[in-house]
């Protein structure tokens, strides 16, 4: 099963770093970065409006808990967004690629 997770960062460099860490650690098969996106939200009793970079993380469902732990431990925000949904339909070829993309030995030294 394929999961899709989202998080956001204020800086593109943080988005790039988190994406690379997730791929290198074998926790995600693909991370797409959008942005900047305009976010409006309530934080500590005040309405905030900021530009952020959104990461869409595609990962096998069995990697979700480890990916979440990594993101929460390495994210620059005190309370990072981490939202995960399960994909209802995924082509067999894409699902197979996702599974193979998280193999620990896929990078050559």
Protein backbone atom coordinates (compact mmCIF):
# COMPACT_ATOMS: atom_id res chain seq x y z
CA UNK A 1 0.00 0.00 0.00
CA UNK A 2 1.19 3.52 -0.81
CA UNK A 3 0.95 6.39 1.67
CA UNK A 4 1.20 10.08 0.89
CA UNK A 5 2.32 12.51 3.59
CA UNK A 6 2.58 16.29 3.71
CA UNK A 7 4.66 18.72 5.67
CA UNK A 8 5.71 22.33 5.15
CA UNK A 9 8.79 24.42 5.86
CA UNK A 10 9.48 28.14 5.80
CA UNK A 11 12.73 27.79 3.86
CA UNK A 12 13.37 26.02 0.57
CA UNK A 13 16.71 24.82 1.94
CA UNK A 14 14.92 23.02 4.81
CA UNK A 15 12.50 21.42 2.34
CA UNK A 16 15.39 20.25 0.15
CA UNK A 17 17.27 18.89 3.18
CA UNK A 18 14.29 16.97 4.56
CA UNK A 19 13.47 15.54 1.12
CA UNK A 20 17.04 14.36 0.58
CA UNK A 21 17.25 12.86 4.09
CA UNK A 22 14.05 10.87 3.58
CA UNK A 23 15.25 9.50 0.25
CA UNK A 24 18.78 8.73 1.44
CA UNK A 25 17.47 6.97 4.56
CA UNK A 26 15.20 4.76 2.45
CA UNK A 27 12.08 6.17 4.11
CA UNK A 28 10.41 7.57 0.98
CA UNK A 29 10.42 6.75 -2.71
CA UNK A 30 9.73 10.31 -3.90
CA UNK A 31 9.36 13.76 -2.37
CA UNK A 32 7.90 16.59 -4.41
CA UNK A 33 8.38 20.18 -3.27
CA UNK A 34 5.82 22.86 -4.17
CA UNK A 35 5.99 26.50 -3.45
CA UNK A 36 6.09 28.85 -2.20
CA UNK A 37 2.48 28.34 -1.12
CA UNK A 38 0.56 30.92 0.91
CA UNK A 39 -0.51 29.55 4.30
CA UNK A 40 -3.02 31.20 6.65
CA UNK A 41 -3.35 29.66 10.10
CA UNK A 42 -3.74 30.36 13.80
CA UNK A 43 -0.57 30.10 15.88
CA UNK A 44 -0.43 30.96 19.59
CA UNK A 45 -3.72 32.85 19.40
CA UNK A 46 -2.80 34.98 16.39
CA UNK A 47 -3.70 34.68 12.74
CA UNK A 48 -0.56 34.16 10.69
CA UNK A 49 -0.03 34.42 6.93
CA UNK A 50 3.27 33.11 5.61
CA UNK A 51 4.88 31.63 2.55
CA UNK A 52 5.98 28.03 2.93
CA UNK A 53 7.27 25.13 0.87
CA UNK A 54 5.09 22.02 0.83
CA UNK A 55 6.63 18.57 0.68
CA UNK A 56 4.50 15.73 -0.68
CA UNK A 57 6.14 12.52 0.46
CA UNK A 58 5.30 9.24 -1.30
CA UNK A 59 6.22 6.18 0.70
CA UNK A 60 5.26 2.57 1.33
CA UNK A 61 2.80 2.33 4.22
CA UNK A 62 5.29 0.31 6.27
CA UNK A 63 7.71 3.30 6.22
CA UNK A 64 5.24 5.84 7.64
CA UNK A 65 6.13 5.51 11.34
CA UNK A 66 9.89 5.76 10.71
CA UNK A 67 9.45 8.67 8.29
CA UNK A 68 7.27 10.48 10.83
CA UNK A 69 9.88 10.00 13.55
CA UNK A 70 12.57 11.36 11.23
CA UNK A 71 10.54 14.39 10.15
CA UNK A 72 9.49 15.29 13.68
CA UNK A 73 13.07 14.95 14.95
CA UNK A 74 14.68 16.97 12.12
CA UNK A 75 12.02 19.55 11.27
CA UNK A 76 12.76 23.21 12.05
CA UNK A 77 9.20 23.89 13.30
CA UNK A 78 8.21 23.29 16.93
CA UNK A 79 4.92 21.79 15.70
CA UNK A 80 5.41 20.58 12.14
CA UNK A 81 2.55 19.56 9.91
CA UNK A 82 2.54 15.80 9.32
CA UNK A 83 -0.57 14.51 7.58
CA UNK A 84 -0.70 11.03 6.05
CA UNK A 85 -3.33 9.45 3.81
CA UNK A 86 -3.46 6.05 2.13
CA UNK A 87 -3.78 6.00 -1.65
CA UNK A 88 -6.94 4.17 -2.75
CA UNK A 89 -5.61 3.21 -6.16
CA UNK A 90 -2.03 2.94 -7.34
CA UNK A 91 -0.84 1.30 -10.54
CA UNK A 92 1.06 -1.94 -9.95
CA UNK A 93 4.11 -0.65 -11.82
CA UNK A 94 4.28 2.54 -9.73
CA UNK A 95 3.71 0.65 -6.48
CA UNK A 96 6.46 -1.79 -7.40
CA UNK A 97 8.82 1.09 -8.19
CA UNK A 98 8.01 2.74 -4.84
CA UNK A 99 8.82 -0.45 -2.98
CA UNK A 100 12.12 -0.91 -4.81
CA UNK A 101 13.08 2.75 -4.39
CA UNK A 102 13.28 2.45 -0.60
CA UNK A 103 15.75 -0.44 -0.61
CA UNK A 104 18.68 0.41 1.66
CA UNK A 105 21.37 -0.69 -0.82
CA UNK A 106 20.14 1.32 -3.80
CA UNK A 107 22.86 3.98 -3.61
CA UNK A 108 26.34 3.23 -4.83
CA UNK A 109 29.23 4.60 -2.70
